[in-house]
Amino acid sequence: MNQYEDDNINAKMVPRTEEEIESIVKRLKRIEGQVRGVQKMVEDNRYCIDILVQISAIQAALNKVGLNLLERHANHCVSKAIREGSGEESIRELMDVIKQFSK
């Protein structure tokens, strides 16, 4: 990413609060621990269904983090862009990420 793109992104975003960052990082660390647990289950040659259930839980946890970020983005960043007159681009960007997220 070049400096112009970096500056453009920073101008569009509404910075997260320390509490928001802490909450997201805490959830991601929990997910990281779950992934390590699944790796250990595979190494220990555990029953496939048990591993698949854990993978499903990890996917659900990641989806929850993603949906929370998506909601925050819509409520803060997209809302800001609309107020500042650049809503079309932000809405298009939001719709693109929603499509990607729902695959």
N, C-alpha and C. Protein backbone atom coordinates (compact mmCIF):
# COMPACT_ATOMS: atom_id res chain seq x y z
N MET A 1 0.85 -1.17 0.00
CA MET A 1 0.00 0.00 0.00
C MET A 1 0.90 1.24 0.00
N ASN A 2 0.58 2.18 -0.88
CA ASN A 2 1.40 3.40 -0.91
C ASN A 2 0.86 4.43 0.08
N GLN A 3 1.58 5.51 0.25
CA GLN A 3 1.23 6.53 1.25
C GLN A 3 -0.13 7.15 0.97
N TYR A 4 -0.46 7.39 -0.32
CA TYR A 4 -1.75 7.97 -0.67
C TYR A 4 -2.89 7.05 -0.24
N GLU A 5 -2.76 5.75 -0.55
CA GLU A 5 -3.80 4.79 -0.16
C GLU A 5 -3.93 4.71 1.35
N ASP A 6 -2.80 4.72 2.05
CA ASP A 6 -2.80 4.67 3.51
C ASP A 6 -3.50 5.90 4.09
N ASP A 7 -3.18 7.07 3.58
CA ASP A 7 -3.82 8.31 4.05
C ASP A 7 -5.31 8.32 3.75
N ASN A 8 -5.69 7.80 2.57
CA ASN A 8 -7.09 7.75 2.18
C ASN A 8 -7.89 6.84 3.11
N ILE A 9 -7.33 5.69 3.45
CA ILE A 9 -8.00 4.77 4.37
C ILE A 9 -8.13 5.41 5.75
N ASN A 10 -7.06 6.02 6.23
CA ASN A 10 -7.10 6.66 7.55
C ASN A 10 -8.14 7.77 7.60
N ALA A 11 -8.32 8.49 6.50
CA ALA A 11 -9.31 9.57 6.46
C ALA A 11 -10.73 9.01 6.51
N LYS A 12 -10.94 7.80 6.00
CA LYS A 12 -12.27 7.21 5.95
C LYS A 12 -12.67 6.54 7.26
N MET A 13 -11.69 6.10 8.02
CA MET A 13 -12.03 5.28 9.19
C MET A 13 -12.27 6.12 10.45
N VAL A 14 -13.05 5.55 11.34
CA VAL A 14 -13.25 6.12 12.67
C VAL A 14 -12.48 5.20 13.61
N PRO A 15 -11.44 5.71 14.27
CA PRO A 15 -10.59 4.85 15.10
C PRO A 15 -11.39 4.11 16.18
N ARG A 16 -10.98 2.87 16.43
CA ARG A 16 -11.61 2.08 17.49
C ARG A 16 -11.14 2.60 18.85
N THR A 17 -12.00 2.44 19.83
CA THR A 17 -11.61 2.80 21.19
C THR A 17 -10.69 1.73 21.74
N GLU A 18 -9.99 2.05 22.81
CA GLU A 18 -9.12 1.06 23.47
C GLU A 18 -9.94 -0.15 23.92
N GLU A 19 -11.16 0.10 24.40
CA GLU A 19 -12.02 -0.99 24.85
C GLU A 19 -12.41 -1.90 23.69
N GLU A 20 -12.71 -1.30 22.53
CA GLU A 20 -13.06 -2.10 21.36
C GLU A 20 -11.88 -2.95 20.92
N ILE A 21 -10.70 -2.35 20.87
CA ILE A 21 -9.50 -3.09 20.48
C ILE A 21 -9.25 -4.24 21.45
N GLU A 22 -9.34 -3.95 22.73
CA GLU A 22 -9.11 -4.97 23.75
C GLU A 22 -10.09 -6.13 23.61
N SER A 23 -11.35 -5.83 23.36
CA SER A 23 -12.37 -6.85 23.22
C SER A 23 -12.10 -7.73 21.99
N ILE A 24 -11.76 -7.11 20.86
CA ILE A 24 -11.49 -7.87 19.64
C ILE A 24 -10.27 -8.75 19.82
N VAL A 25 -9.20 -8.18 20.38
CA VAL A 25 -7.97 -8.94 20.58
C VAL A 25 -8.22 -10.11 21.52
N LYS A 26 -9.00 -9.89 22.57
CA LYS A 26 -9.32 -10.96 23.53
C LYS A 26 -10.05 -12.11 22.82
N ARG A 27 -11.01 -11.77 21.97
CA ARG A 27 -11.75 -12.80 21.23
C ARG A 27 -10.82 -13.55 20.28
N LEU A 28 -9.95 -12.80 19.58
CA LEU A 28 -9.04 -13.44 18.63
C LEU A 28 -8.04 -14.35 19.33
N LYS A 29 -7.59 -13.96 20.51
CA LYS A 29 -6.68 -14.82 21.27
C LYS A 29 -7.39 -16.09 21.71
N ARG A 30 -8.66 -15.97 22.08
CA ARG A 30 -9.43 -17.15 22.46
C ARG A 30 -9.56 -18.09 21.26
N ILE A 31 -9.83 -17.52 20.09
CA ILE A 31 -9.93 -18.32 18.86
C ILE A 31 -8.59 -18.97 18.55
N GLU A 32 -7.51 -18.23 18.72
CA GLU A 32 -6.17 -18.77 18.50
C GLU A 32 -5.95 -20.00 19.39
N GLY A 33 -6.39 -19.91 20.63
CA GLY A 33 -6.27 -21.05 21.54
C GLY A 33 -7.09 -22.24 21.07
N GLN A 34 -8.28 -21.96 20.54
CA GLN A 34 -9.11 -23.04 20.01
C GLN A 34 -8.42 -23.72 18.83
N VAL A 35 -7.79 -22.91 17.95
CA VAL A 35 -7.10 -23.48 16.79
C VAL A 35 -5.94 -24.36 17.26
N ARG A 36 -5.21 -23.91 18.25
CA ARG A 36 -4.12 -24.73 18.79
C ARG A 36 -4.66 -26.04 19.37
N GLY A 37 -5.82 -25.94 20.01
CA GLY A 37 -6.45 -27.14 20.55
C GLY A 37 -6.81 -28.13 19.46
N VAL A 38 -7.32 -27.64 18.35
CA VAL A 38 -7.66 -28.51 17.22
C VAL A 38 -6.39 -29.14 16.65
N GLN A 39 -5.34 -28.35 16.54
CA GLN A 39 -4.07 -28.89 16.05
C GLN A 39 -3.61 -30.04 16.95
N LYS A 40 -3.72 -29.87 18.25
CA LYS A 40 -3.33 -30.92 19.21
C LYS A 40 -4.22 -32.14 19.05
N MET A 41 -5.52 -31.90 18.81
CA MET A 41 -6.44 -33.01 18.61
C MET A 41 -6.02 -33.84 17.39
N VAL A 42 -5.62 -33.15 16.32
CA VAL A 42 -5.18 -33.86 15.11
C VAL A 42 -3.90 -34.64 15.41
N GLU A 43 -2.96 -33.98 16.08
CA GLU A 43 -1.69 -34.64 16.44
C GLU A 43 -1.92 -35.87 17.32
N ASP A 44 -2.93 -35.77 18.18
CA ASP A 44 -3.26 -36.88 19.08
C ASP A 44 -4.17 -37.92 18.43
N ASN A 45 -4.46 -37.70 17.13
CA ASN A 45 -5.28 -38.63 16.36
C ASN A 45 -6.67 -38.82 16.97
N ARG A 46 -7.28 -37.72 17.37
CA ARG A 46 -8.61 -37.77 17.99
C ARG A 46 -9.69 -38.05 16.94
N TYR A 47 -10.85 -38.40 17.41
CA TYR A 47 -12.01 -38.75 16.59
C TYR A 47 -12.40 -37.58 15.68
N CYS A 48 -12.63 -37.88 14.41
CA CYS A 48 -12.92 -36.85 13.40
C CYS A 48 -14.07 -35.94 13.80
N ILE A 49 -15.15 -36.52 14.29
CA ILE A 49 -16.32 -35.73 14.64
C ILE A 49 -15.99 -34.71 15.73
N ASP A 50 -15.21 -35.11 16.71
CA ASP A 50 -14.81 -34.18 17.77
C ASP A 50 -14.02 -33.00 17.19
N ILE A 51 -13.14 -33.29 16.25
CA ILE A 51 -12.35 -32.23 15.60
C ILE A 51 -13.27 -31.32 14.79
N LEU A 52 -14.19 -31.91 14.04
CA LEU A 52 -15.10 -31.12 13.21
C LEU A 52 -15.99 -30.22 14.05
N VAL A 53 -16.43 -30.71 15.19
CA VAL A 53 -17.25 -29.89 16.09
C VAL A 53 -16.44 -28.67 16.55
N GLN A 54 -15.19 -28.87 16.87
CA GLN A 54 -14.33 -27.76 17.30
C GLN A 54 -14.08 -26.77 16.16
N ILE A 55 -13.89 -27.29 14.96
CA ILE A 55 -13.71 -26.42 13.79
C ILE A 55 -14.95 -25.57 13.56
N SER A 56 -16.11 -26.17 13.73
CA SER A 56 -17.37 -25.44 13.58
C SER A 56 -17.47 -24.32 14.62
N ALA A 57 -17.04 -24.60 15.84
CA ALA A 57 -17.06 -23.59 16.90
C ALA A 57 -16.11 -22.43 16.56
N ILE A 58 -14.96 -22.76 15.98
CA ILE A 58 -13.99 -21.73 15.58
C ILE A 58 -14.58 -20.86 14.48
N GLN A 59 -15.20 -21.49 13.49
CA GLN A 59 -15.82 -20.73 12.41
C GLN A 59 -16.90 -19.79 12.94
N ALA A 60 -17.72 -20.29 13.87
CA ALA A 60 -18.77 -19.47 14.46
C ALA A 60 -18.17 -18.28 15.22
N ALA A 61 -17.09 -18.53 15.95
CA ALA A 61 -16.44 -17.45 16.71
C ALA A 61 -15.85 -16.40 15.77
N LEU A 62 -15.22 -16.84 14.69
CA LEU A 62 -14.67 -15.89 13.71
C LEU A 62 -15.78 -15.10 13.03
N ASN A 63 -16.88 -15.77 12.71
CA ASN A 63 -18.02 -15.07 12.11
C ASN A 63 -18.56 -14.00 13.05
N LYS A 64 -18.60 -14.32 14.33
CA LYS A 64 -19.10 -13.35 15.31
C LYS A 64 -18.19 -12.12 15.37
N VAL A 65 -16.88 -12.34 15.37
CA VAL A 65 -15.94 -11.22 15.36
C VAL A 65 -16.14 -10.39 14.09
N GLY A 66 -16.26 -11.08 12.96
CA GLY A 66 -16.45 -10.39 11.69
C GLY A 66 -17.74 -9.59 11.66
N LEU A 67 -18.83 -10.17 12.14
CA LEU A 67 -20.11 -9.45 12.16
C LEU A 67 -20.05 -8.24 13.08
N ASN A 68 -19.38 -8.38 14.21
CA ASN A 68 -19.24 -7.24 15.12
C ASN A 68 -18.46 -6.11 14.45
N LEU A 69 -17.38 -6.46 13.74
CA LEU A 69 -16.60 -5.44 13.02
C LEU A 69 -17.42 -4.82 11.89
N LEU A 70 -18.18 -5.65 11.21
CA LEU A 70 -19.04 -5.17 10.13
C LEU A 70 -20.08 -4.18 10.65
N GLU A 71 -20.70 -4.52 11.77
CA GLU A 71 -21.70 -3.63 12.37
C GLU A 71 -21.07 -2.32 12.80
N ARG A 72 -19.90 -2.40 13.42
CA ARG A 72 -19.22 -1.18 13.85
C ARG A 72 -18.84 -0.32 12.66
N HIS A 73 -18.36 -0.97 11.59
CA HIS A 73 -17.98 -0.24 10.38
C HIS A 73 -19.18 0.52 9.82
N ALA A 74 -20.32 -0.16 9.74
CA ALA A 74 -21.53 0.49 9.21
C ALA A 74 -21.97 1.65 10.10
N ASN A 75 -21.94 1.44 11.40
CA ASN A 75 -22.42 2.46 12.34
C ASN A 75 -21.47 3.64 12.50
N HIS A 76 -20.19 3.44 12.22
CA HIS A 76 -19.23 4.52 12.43
C HIS A 76 -18.64 5.03 11.11
N CYS A 77 -17.91 4.18 10.41
CA CYS A 77 -17.17 4.60 9.21
C CYS A 77 -18.12 4.96 8.06
N VAL A 78 -19.08 4.08 7.76
CA VAL A 78 -20.01 4.35 6.66
C VAL A 78 -20.89 5.54 7.02
N SER A 79 -21.34 5.59 8.24
CA SER A 79 -22.16 6.72 8.70
C SER A 79 -21.41 8.04 8.55
N LYS A 80 -20.12 8.05 8.91
CA LYS A 80 -19.28 9.24 8.77
C LYS A 80 -19.17 9.63 7.30
N ALA A 81 -18.94 8.66 6.44
CA ALA A 81 -18.80 8.94 5.01
C ALA A 81 -20.08 9.54 4.44
N ILE A 82 -21.23 9.03 4.86
CA ILE A 82 -22.51 9.56 4.38
C ILE A 82 -22.67 11.01 4.83
N ARG A 83 -22.36 11.28 6.09
CA ARG A 83 -22.45 12.66 6.60
C ARG A 83 -21.52 13.60 5.85
N GLU A 84 -20.37 13.08 5.41
CA GLU A 84 -19.37 13.91 4.73
C GLU A 84 -19.55 13.93 3.22
N GLY A 85 -20.59 13.27 2.71
CA GLY A 85 -20.88 13.32 1.28
C GLY A 85 -20.19 12.29 0.41
N SER A 86 -19.51 11.33 1.01
CA SER A 86 -18.85 10.28 0.22
C SER A 86 -19.46 8.91 0.53
N GLY A 87 -20.75 8.91 0.74
CA GLY A 87 -21.44 7.69 1.14
C GLY A 87 -21.51 6.61 0.08
N GLU A 88 -21.63 7.02 -1.19
CA GLU A 88 -21.77 6.02 -2.26
C GLU A 88 -20.59 5.06 -2.28
N GLU A 89 -19.38 5.60 -2.21
CA GLU A 89 -18.18 4.76 -2.24
C GLU A 89 -18.14 3.84 -1.03
N SER A 90 -18.46 4.37 0.14
CA SER A 90 -18.43 3.56 1.37
C SER A 90 -19.50 2.48 1.36
N ILE A 91 -20.66 2.80 0.85
CA ILE A 91 -21.73 1.80 0.77
C ILE A 91 -21.35 0.70 -0.21
N ARG A 92 -20.76 1.08 -1.34
CA ARG A 92 -20.30 0.08 -2.32
C ARG A 92 -19.23 -0.83 -1.68
N GLU A 93 -18.30 -0.22 -0.97
CA GLU A 93 -17.26 -0.97 -0.28
C GLU A 93 -17.87 -1.92 0.76
N LEU A 94 -18.85 -1.42 1.51
CA LEU A 94 -19.53 -2.23 2.51
C LEU A 94 -20.24 -3.41 1.86
N MET A 95 -20.94 -3.16 0.78
CA MET A 95 -21.66 -4.23 0.10
C MET A 95 -20.69 -5.29 -0.44
N ASP A 96 -19.54 -4.85 -0.96
CA ASP A 96 -18.53 -5.79 -1.45
C ASP A 96 -18.04 -6.70 -0.34
N VAL A 97 -17.78 -6.12 0.84
CA VAL A 97 -17.28 -6.93 1.94
C VAL A 97 -18.38 -7.84 2.50
N ILE A 98 -19.62 -7.39 2.48
CA ILE A 98 -20.73 -8.25 2.91
C ILE A 98 -20.84 -9.45 1.98
N LYS A 99 -20.72 -9.22 0.68
CA LYS A 99 -20.77 -10.32 -0.28
C LYS A 99 -19.63 -11.31 -0.03
N GLN A 100 -18.44 -10.77 0.20
CA GLN A 100 -17.27 -11.62 0.46
C GLN A 100 -17.47 -12.40 1.77
N PHE A 101 -17.99 -11.72 2.76
CA PHE A 101 -18.17 -12.32 4.08
C PHE A 101 -19.21 -13.43 4.05
N SER A 102 -20.19 -13.31 3.17
CA SER A 102 -21.30 -14.29 3.17
C SER A 102 -21.04 -15.49 2.27
N LYS A 103 -19.85 -15.60 1.69
CA LYS A 103 -19.56 -16.76 0.82
C LYS A 103 -19.43 -18.02 1.64
